[in-house]
């Protein structure tokens, strides 16, 4: 059976079992099997830092010249920021249209559980923070942006060093192959991890909590679907001249893993594996575009922040002005770049967006109860966007295998990356 089918069946079974456990008062059993899912998540997180580093260095050195890297970088940033701006507009538009905050009872205890405000760093601090003073510390702390900057600089230095650095280049190429093989081993356990995580989520939350804020959940999920189908699907069809149906078929594995793990960075090994294998994106494009996307492409977070901001304003009876809407759109777009690709980070960054327009941070307490449910949707959208941009960049660079893209993949998990190994 294809890996994505195994994962989908595991997700459905976990959802059904979790709801049954919640209804019968046996949610403790769901907590008991959660460590199986946590073990899988720890496994893919274990891959994230070394995979980003070695694959990015290998990818930069494979570009051979800095002009190519600059061209790829410009295309990638423009597409990521453009889709993020569209996502926040979709979120704001749906929230204004359907008014999810009207009639919501804030409750006297909301302020007691309010999330703490975060201080927005200045532009200078943000730029300085990209360059690690100690690369080892960046690795230890999992600072992905600093790791990416260090990897790109190191790859550039290897290219500029020429023949003298060929042994170093071969080392990173070999290290990347080893990490890809380790990825195939970890991902083969995905169905078990997905089953355990979905059982825990459904067993812990049940249907009652979802019903109380169903409108917010529905708007964000519908917004994510609209963005995926119209924006990504439209870009794939009209810009990339590719079949959008095949794109979504080839992206299903990483979307499901992102949905259950709620981590863009944690899903990165699966995203790289599936994008190369199922969508025909060359490794030197995927190893450059996807690690960047896992940290700066947060379309789902931007859409979520737009809905939440309007929801909280409506719940408190605050009318937002046009300038405030523009501020939310701009702040969400910029904040999404610095939002870490880990579970719950979007909730923390939302406080910054609310502060930018003077909305009460106490409202975050209402959303916090269902944040995990919302995080599943926005992370799936983030990962889908990573795949779409990778396909478009690869297509524009002549680095997309059209036959691999058009042919549904039927191999099992253990055959991951065999095409690259044969090459």
Protein backbone atom coordinates (compact mmCIF):
# COMPACT_ATOMS: atom_id res chain seq x y z
CA UNK A 1 0.00 0.00 0.00
CA UNK A 2 1.23 3.50 -0.80
CA UNK A 3 2.59 5.40 2.18
CA UNK A 4 0.09 8.24 1.91
CA UNK A 5 -2.79 5.75 2.00
CA UNK A 6 -1.35 4.15 5.14
CA UNK A 7 -1.06 7.60 6.76
CA UNK A 8 -4.59 8.62 5.75
CA UNK A 9 -6.10 5.40 7.12
CA UNK A 10 -4.16 5.88 10.37
CA UNK A 11 -5.46 9.46 10.64
CA UNK A 12 -9.08 8.38 10.13
CA UNK A 13 -8.84 5.50 12.60
CA UNK A 14 -7.18 7.73 15.20
CA UNK A 15 -9.90 10.36 14.82
CA UNK A 16 -12.70 7.83 15.27
CA UNK A 17 -11.03 6.14 18.24
CA UNK A 18 -10.30 9.49 19.90
CA UNK A 19 -13.91 10.67 19.64
CA UNK A 20 -15.16 7.35 21.05
CA UNK A 21 -12.71 7.56 23.96
CA UNK A 22 -13.74 11.15 24.69
CA UNK A 23 -17.45 10.30 24.62
CA UNK A 24 -17.01 7.26 26.89
CA UNK A 25 -14.87 9.12 29.43
CA UNK A 26 -11.70 7.20 28.60
CA UNK A 27 -9.59 10.15 27.44
CA UNK A 28 -6.83 8.88 29.70
CA UNK A 29 -6.24 6.03 27.26
CA UNK A 30 -5.63 8.58 24.52
CA UNK A 31 -3.03 10.23 26.75
CA UNK A 32 -1.46 6.81 27.23
CA UNK A 33 -0.77 6.24 23.54
CA UNK A 34 0.31 9.82 22.85
CA UNK A 35 3.99 8.95 23.60
CA UNK A 36 3.99 6.81 20.43
CA UNK A 37 3.17 9.93 18.44
CA UNK A 38 5.64 11.98 20.45
CA UNK A 39 8.34 9.43 19.64
CA UNK A 40 7.67 9.84 15.93
CA UNK A 41 7.71 13.64 16.22
CA UNK A 42 10.98 13.49 18.14
CA UNK A 43 12.37 11.33 15.36
CA UNK A 44 11.58 13.79 12.60
CA UNK A 45 12.68 16.73 14.75
CA UNK A 46 15.95 14.89 15.27
CA UNK A 47 16.43 15.09 11.50
CA UNK A 48 15.51 18.75 11.08
CA UNK A 49 18.69 20.63 12.05
CA UNK A 50 21.26 18.30 10.44
CA UNK A 51 19.07 17.81 7.35
CA UNK A 52 18.61 21.56 6.83
CA UNK A 53 22.33 22.18 7.25
CA UNK A 54 23.82 19.45 5.08
CA UNK A 55 21.14 19.60 2.37
CA UNK A 56 21.37 23.37 2.10
CA UNK A 57 25.16 23.35 1.91
CA UNK A 58 24.99 20.56 -0.66
CA UNK A 59 22.30 22.43 -2.58
CA UNK A 60 24.21 25.72 -2.68
CA UNK A 61 27.44 24.01 -3.81
CA UNK A 62 25.53 22.20 -6.57
CA UNK A 63 24.44 25.55 -8.04
CA UNK A 64 28.07 26.12 -9.09
CA UNK A 65 27.75 29.90 -9.36
CA UNK A 66 26.41 32.65 -7.13
CA UNK A 67 24.31 34.19 -9.91
CA UNK A 68 22.14 31.06 -10.02
CA UNK A 69 21.72 31.11 -6.25
CA UNK A 70 20.74 34.79 -6.35
CA UNK A 71 18.15 34.10 -9.03
CA UNK A 72 16.67 31.21 -7.04
CA UNK A 73 16.63 33.33 -3.89
CA UNK A 74 14.77 36.22 -5.52
CA UNK A 75 12.14 33.94 -7.05
CA UNK A 76 11.66 32.11 -3.77
CA UNK A 77 11.27 35.23 -1.61
CA UNK A 78 8.90 36.94 -4.05
CA UNK A 79 6.62 33.91 -4.26
CA UNK A 80 6.64 33.30 -0.50
CA UNK A 81 5.91 36.91 0.44
CA UNK A 82 3.33 37.31 -2.33
CA UNK A 83 1.29 34.29 -1.27
CA UNK A 84 1.51 35.35 2.39
CA UNK A 85 0.03 38.76 1.58
CA UNK A 86 -2.83 37.08 -0.30
CA UNK A 87 -3.42 34.70 2.63
CA UNK A 88 -3.85 37.50 5.16
CA UNK A 89 -6.31 39.25 2.82
CA UNK A 90 -8.36 36.05 2.53
CA UNK A 91 -8.41 35.68 6.31
CA UNK A 92 -9.49 39.28 6.89
CA UNK A 93 -12.12 39.09 4.15
CA UNK A 94 -13.73 35.89 5.46
CA UNK A 95 -13.75 37.17 9.05
CA UNK A 96 -15.39 40.47 8.03
CA UNK A 97 -17.94 38.63 5.89
CA UNK A 98 -19.00 35.94 8.36
CA UNK A 99 -18.40 37.81 11.66
CA UNK A 100 -17.25 34.94 13.90
CA UNK A 101 -16.86 37.20 16.98
CA UNK A 102 -20.41 38.55 17.07
CA UNK A 103 -22.25 37.18 20.10
CA UNK A 104 -19.20 35.48 21.66
CA UNK A 105 -19.10 35.67 25.45
CA UNK A 106 -15.64 36.84 26.46
CA UNK A 107 -16.14 35.78 30.05
CA UNK A 108 -14.80 37.37 33.19
CA UNK A 109 -11.92 34.95 33.48
CA UNK A 110 -10.44 35.69 30.10
CA UNK A 111 -8.04 38.31 31.41
CA UNK A 112 -6.75 35.92 34.04
CA UNK A 113 -5.56 33.48 31.40
CA UNK A 114 -4.44 36.04 28.83
CA UNK A 115 -1.32 35.30 26.87
CA UNK A 116 1.69 37.46 27.58
CA UNK A 117 2.58 40.11 25.07
CA UNK A 118 5.72 39.73 23.10
CA UNK A 119 8.00 42.63 22.33
CA UNK A 120 8.39 43.22 18.65
CA UNK A 121 12.09 43.32 17.77
CA UNK A 122 13.33 46.22 15.70
CA UNK A 123 14.49 45.82 12.11
CA UNK A 124 18.13 46.21 13.15
CA UNK A 125 17.82 43.54 15.84
CA UNK A 126 16.06 41.22 13.41
CA UNK A 127 18.78 41.57 10.79
CA UNK A 128 21.56 41.16 13.34
CA UNK A 129 19.82 38.10 14.73
CA UNK A 130 20.10 36.33 11.39
CA UNK A 131 23.89 35.99 11.70
CA UNK A 132 25.01 33.60 14.45
CA UNK A 133 27.82 34.75 16.70
CA UNK A 134 28.34 31.10 17.57
CA UNK A 135 27.18 28.55 14.96
CA UNK A 136 27.44 25.72 17.49
CA UNK A 137 25.04 27.58 19.78
CA UNK A 138 22.64 28.07 16.85
CA UNK A 139 22.69 24.31 16.24
CA UNK A 140 22.17 23.54 19.93
CA UNK A 141 19.24 25.95 20.23
CA UNK A 142 17.71 24.90 16.92
CA UNK A 143 17.73 28.46 15.57
CA UNK A 144 16.75 27.55 12.04
CA UNK A 145 17.17 31.00 10.49
CA UNK A 146 20.74 31.30 11.79
CA UNK A 147 21.51 27.76 10.62
CA UNK A 148 20.22 28.61 7.14
CA UNK A 149 22.34 31.78 6.95
CA UNK A 150 25.44 29.89 8.10
CA UNK A 151 24.79 27.04 5.64
CA UNK A 152 24.32 29.43 2.71
CA UNK A 153 27.51 31.35 3.57
CA UNK A 154 29.46 28.12 3.96
CA UNK A 155 28.14 26.81 0.64
CA UNK A 156 29.12 30.06 -1.07
CA UNK A 157 32.61 29.82 0.40
CA UNK A 158 32.98 26.25 -0.88
CA UNK A 159 31.97 27.37 -4.38
CA UNK A 160 34.38 30.31 -4.32
CA UNK A 161 37.23 28.13 -3.03
CA UNK A 162 37.12 26.09 -6.24
CA UNK A 163 39.12 22.89 -6.64
CA UNK A 164 40.68 23.10 -3.19
CA UNK A 165 37.24 22.66 -1.60
CA UNK A 166 36.12 19.67 -3.69
CA UNK A 167 36.75 17.20 -0.83
CA UNK A 168 34.52 19.33 1.41
CA UNK A 169 31.82 19.41 -1.24
CA UNK A 170 31.96 15.62 -1.61
CA UNK A 171 31.69 15.28 2.16
CA UNK A 172 28.49 17.33 2.32
CA UNK A 173 27.03 15.53 -0.69
CA UNK A 174 27.68 12.21 1.05
CA UNK A 175 26.32 13.53 4.35
CA UNK A 176 23.15 14.64 2.57
CA UNK A 177 22.68 11.14 1.14
CA UNK A 178 23.07 9.66 4.62
CA UNK A 179 20.47 12.06 6.04
CA UNK A 180 18.06 11.22 3.21
CA UNK A 181 18.41 7.52 3.99
CA UNK A 182 17.83 8.16 7.70
CA UNK A 183 14.76 10.16 6.71
CA UNK A 184 13.35 7.18 4.82
CA UNK A 185 13.74 5.04 7.93
CA UNK A 186 11.98 7.52 10.22
CA UNK A 187 9.15 8.25 7.77
CA UNK A 188 8.30 4.57 7.44
CA UNK A 189 6.89 4.84 10.99
CA UNK A 190 4.61 7.76 10.07
CA UNK A 191 1.30 5.81 10.14
CA UNK A 192 1.86 4.75 13.75
CA UNK A 193 2.78 8.27 14.86
CA UNK A 194 -0.15 9.84 13.02
CA UNK A 195 -2.60 7.34 14.55
CA UNK A 196 -1.39 8.05 18.09
CA UNK A 197 -1.43 11.83 17.67
CA UNK A 198 -4.90 11.94 16.15
CA UNK A 199 -6.26 9.67 18.86
CA UNK A 200 -4.83 12.03 21.48
CA UNK A 201 -6.15 15.22 19.83
CA UNK A 202 -9.67 13.86 19.33
CA UNK A 203 -9.69 12.19 22.76
CA UNK A 204 -8.56 15.35 24.54
CA UNK A 205 -10.75 17.91 22.77
CA UNK A 206 -13.79 15.91 21.76
CA UNK A 207 -16.63 17.57 19.86
CA UNK A 208 -17.99 19.85 22.60
CA UNK A 209 -15.15 22.36 22.59
CA UNK A 210 -15.15 22.43 18.81
CA UNK A 211 -18.86 23.21 18.70
CA UNK A 212 -18.51 26.29 20.94
CA UNK A 213 -16.11 27.97 18.53
CA UNK A 214 -17.17 26.15 15.37
CA UNK A 215 -17.49 29.36 13.37
CA UNK A 216 -13.88 30.37 13.92
CA UNK A 217 -12.65 26.87 13.16
CA UNK A 218 -14.80 26.65 10.02
CA UNK A 219 -13.64 30.05 8.70
CA UNK A 220 -9.95 29.22 9.14
CA UNK A 221 -10.31 25.76 7.60
CA UNK A 222 -12.38 27.09 4.68
CA UNK A 223 -9.87 29.91 4.21
CA UNK A 224 -7.00 27.44 4.07
CA UNK A 225 -8.83 25.32 1.50
CA UNK A 226 -9.64 28.38 -0.63
CA UNK A 227 -6.04 29.56 -0.50
CA UNK A 228 -4.70 26.11 -1.37
CA UNK A 229 -7.08 25.48 -4.27
CA UNK A 230 -7.32 28.95 -5.80
CA UNK A 231 -3.93 30.50 -5.05
CA UNK A 232 -1.61 27.48 -5.11
CA UNK A 233 -3.69 25.56 -7.61
CA UNK A 234 -3.99 28.64 -9.81
CA UNK A 235 -0.25 29.33 -9.67
CA UNK A 236 0.55 25.73 -10.53
CA UNK A 237 -1.89 25.80 -13.46
CA UNK A 238 -1.33 29.25 -14.96
CA UNK A 239 2.24 30.12 -13.95
CA UNK A 240 3.80 26.67 -13.90
CA UNK A 241 1.62 25.22 -16.68
CA UNK A 242 1.29 22.05 -14.62
CA UNK A 243 -1.62 19.81 -13.62
CA UNK A 244 -2.90 21.05 -10.21
CA UNK A 245 -4.62 17.74 -9.48
CA UNK A 246 -1.30 15.92 -9.73
CA UNK A 247 0.27 18.57 -7.52
CA UNK A 248 -2.15 17.89 -4.68
CA UNK A 249 -1.86 14.14 -5.19
CA UNK A 250 1.91 14.40 -4.91
CA UNK A 251 1.70 16.58 -1.80
CA UNK A 252 -0.72 14.46 0.23
CA UNK A 253 1.91 12.71 2.37
CA UNK A 254 3.51 15.85 3.76
CA UNK A 255 0.12 17.56 4.16
CA UNK A 256 -1.14 14.75 6.40
CA UNK A 257 2.07 14.67 8.45
CA UNK A 258 1.91 18.47 8.82
CA UNK A 259 -1.74 18.23 9.84
CA UNK A 260 -0.97 15.86 12.70
CA UNK A 261 2.44 17.15 13.78
CA UNK A 262 1.59 20.90 13.50
CA UNK A 263 5.22 21.66 12.72
CA UNK A 264 6.47 22.98 9.39
CA UNK A 265 10.09 22.45 10.35
CA UNK A 266 9.36 19.01 11.75
CA UNK A 267 7.62 18.03 8.52
CA UNK A 268 10.54 19.25 6.41
CA UNK A 269 12.16 15.80 5.96
CA UNK A 270 8.86 14.43 4.63
CA UNK A 271 8.36 17.49 2.44
CA UNK A 272 11.78 17.15 0.84
CA UNK A 273 11.33 13.43 0.33
CA UNK A 274 7.89 13.70 -1.24
CA UNK A 275 8.56 16.79 -3.35
CA UNK A 276 11.53 15.15 -5.02
CA UNK A 277 9.97 11.74 -5.38
CA UNK A 278 6.33 12.56 -6.17
CA UNK A 279 6.59 15.95 -7.89
CA UNK A 280 9.88 15.62 -9.76
CA UNK A 281 11.59 18.65 -8.19
CA UNK A 282 15.37 18.38 -8.47
CA UNK A 283 17.33 18.02 -5.27
CA UNK A 284 19.34 21.19 -5.71
CA UNK A 285 16.12 23.22 -5.91
CA UNK A 286 14.33 21.39 -3.09
CA UNK A 287 17.36 21.60 -0.78
CA UNK A 288 17.45 25.37 -1.27
CA UNK A 289 13.77 26.36 -1.48
CA UNK A 290 12.16 24.06 1.10
CA UNK A 291 14.36 24.83 4.15
CA UNK A 292 13.70 28.53 3.49
CA UNK A 293 10.00 27.85 3.17
CA UNK A 294 9.88 25.99 6.49
CA UNK A 295 10.91 29.21 8.22
CA UNK A 296 9.69 32.16 6.14
CA UNK A 297 6.61 30.78 4.36
CA UNK A 298 3.80 31.01 6.90
CA UNK A 299 0.69 31.58 4.79
CA UNK A 300 -1.42 29.55 7.21
CA UNK A 301 -0.22 31.62 10.16
CA UNK A 302 -0.93 34.89 8.32
CA UNK A 303 -4.46 33.78 7.39
CA UNK A 304 -5.04 32.63 10.98
CA UNK A 305 -3.80 35.93 12.41
CA UNK A 306 -6.16 37.89 10.19
CA UNK A 307 -9.20 35.86 11.28
CA UNK A 308 -8.23 35.96 14.96
CA UNK A 309 -7.63 39.72 14.95
CA UNK A 310 -11.07 40.45 13.46
CA UNK A 311 -12.68 37.82 15.73
CA UNK A 312 -11.27 39.44 18.87
CA UNK A 313 -12.22 42.94 17.69
CA UNK A 314 -15.81 41.79 17.06
CA UNK A 315 -15.99 39.92 20.38
CA UNK A 316 -14.97 43.10 22.23
CA UNK A 317 -17.19 45.32 20.11
CA UNK A 318 -14.29 47.21 18.54
CA UNK A 319 -14.71 48.59 15.02
CA UNK A 320 -11.49 48.35 13.03
CA UNK A 321 -10.55 51.22 10.74
CA UNK A 322 -9.11 50.88 7.25
CA UNK A 323 -5.66 51.84 8.54
CA UNK A 324 -5.90 49.15 11.22
CA UNK A 325 -6.77 46.53 8.58
CA UNK A 326 -3.74 47.61 6.58
CA UNK A 327 -1.57 47.45 9.69
CA UNK A 328 -2.78 43.94 10.46
CA UNK A 329 -2.05 42.84 6.89
CA UNK A 330 1.45 44.34 6.89
CA UNK A 331 2.34 43.15 10.39
CA UNK A 332 1.06 39.63 9.75
CA UNK A 333 3.02 39.37 6.51
CA UNK A 334 6.25 40.50 8.16
CA UNK A 335 5.66 38.56 11.37
CA UNK A 336 5.12 35.34 9.44
CA UNK A 337 8.74 35.50 8.25
CA UNK A 338 10.02 35.27 11.79
CA UNK A 339 7.46 32.78 13.07
CA UNK A 340 9.28 29.61 14.02
CA UNK A 341 7.96 26.50 12.28
CA UNK A 342 7.07 24.75 15.54
CA UNK A 343 3.72 23.94 17.20
CA UNK A 344 2.01 26.93 18.82
CA UNK A 345 4.39 29.61 17.55
CA UNK A 346 1.62 31.29 15.58
CA UNK A 347 -0.35 31.91 18.79
CA UNK A 348 2.59 33.75 20.33
CA UNK A 349 3.17 35.87 17.22
CA UNK A 350 -0.53 36.76 17.13
CA UNK A 351 -0.08 38.84 20.28
CA UNK A 352 2.36 41.02 18.34
CA UNK A 353 -0.22 41.55 15.60
CA UNK A 354 -2.92 42.44 18.14
CA UNK A 355 -0.59 44.88 19.88
CA UNK A 356 0.12 46.64 16.59
CA UNK A 357 -3.51 47.80 16.35
CA UNK A 358 -4.29 48.10 20.06
CA UNK A 359 -6.56 45.05 20.41
CA UNK A 360 -6.82 43.45 23.87
CA UNK A 361 -4.45 40.52 24.31
CA UNK A 362 -6.93 38.90 26.69
CA UNK A 363 -8.85 37.65 23.67
CA UNK A 364 -6.06 35.21 22.87
CA UNK A 365 -7.19 33.18 25.88
CA UNK A 366 -10.35 32.23 24.01
CA UNK A 367 -8.45 30.98 20.98
CA UNK A 368 -5.81 29.19 23.04
CA UNK A 369 -8.22 26.38 23.88
CA UNK A 370 -8.62 25.42 20.24
CA UNK A 371 -5.21 26.52 19.02
CA UNK A 372 -4.07 22.95 18.39
CA UNK A 373 -7.05 22.39 16.08
CA UNK A 374 -6.32 25.61 14.20
CA UNK A 375 -2.60 24.88 14.11
CA UNK A 376 -3.28 21.68 12.20
CA UNK A 377 -4.93 23.60 9.36
CA UNK A 378 -2.45 26.45 9.14
CA UNK A 379 0.58 24.13 9.22
CA UNK A 380 -0.89 22.05 6.40
CA UNK A 381 -1.32 25.22 4.34
CA UNK A 382 2.26 26.30 5.08
CA UNK A 383 3.66 22.99 3.85
CA UNK A 384 1.44 23.00 0.76
CA UNK A 385 2.80 26.43 -0.08
CA UNK A 386 6.37 25.21 0.31
CA UNK A 387 5.69 22.46 -2.23
CA UNK A 388 3.96 24.83 -4.67
CA UNK A 389 6.84 27.33 -4.64
CA UNK A 390 9.38 24.53 -5.02
CA UNK A 391 7.52 23.26 -8.10
CA UNK A 392 7.26 26.73 -9.63
CA UNK A 393 10.92 27.58 -9.03
CA UNK A 394 12.03 24.19 -10.36
CA UNK A 395 9.82 24.62 -13.42
CA UNK A 396 11.22 28.07 -14.16
CA UNK A 397 14.79 26.77 -13.83
CA UNK A 398 14.22 23.67 -15.96
CA UNK A 399 14.81 21.55 -12.86
CA UNK A 400 11.47 19.72 -12.78
CA UNK A 401 11.16 16.16 -14.07
CA UNK A 402 7.91 16.32 -16.03
CA UNK A 403 7.58 12.54 -16.27
CA UNK A 404 7.98 12.12 -12.50
CA UNK A 405 5.46 14.93 -11.92
CA UNK A 406 2.83 13.47 -14.25
CA UNK A 407 3.23 9.87 -13.05
CA UNK A 408 1.50 8.95 -9.76
CA UNK A 409 4.06 7.39 -7.45
CA UNK A 410 3.35 3.82 -6.38
CA UNK A 411 6.49 2.88 -4.50
CA UNK A 412 6.59 2.18 -0.80
CA UNK A 413 8.43 4.07 1.93
CA UNK A 414 11.54 1.92 1.80
CA UNK A 415 12.23 2.99 -1.79
CA UNK A 416 12.57 6.66 -0.87
CA UNK A 417 15.41 8.43 -2.66
CA UNK A 418 16.40 5.32 -4.67
CA UNK A 419 16.17 7.32 -7.87
CA UNK A 420 18.75 9.75 -6.55
CA UNK A 421 20.95 6.93 -5.32
CA UNK A 422 20.92 5.29 -8.73
CA UNK A 423 21.75 8.60 -10.33
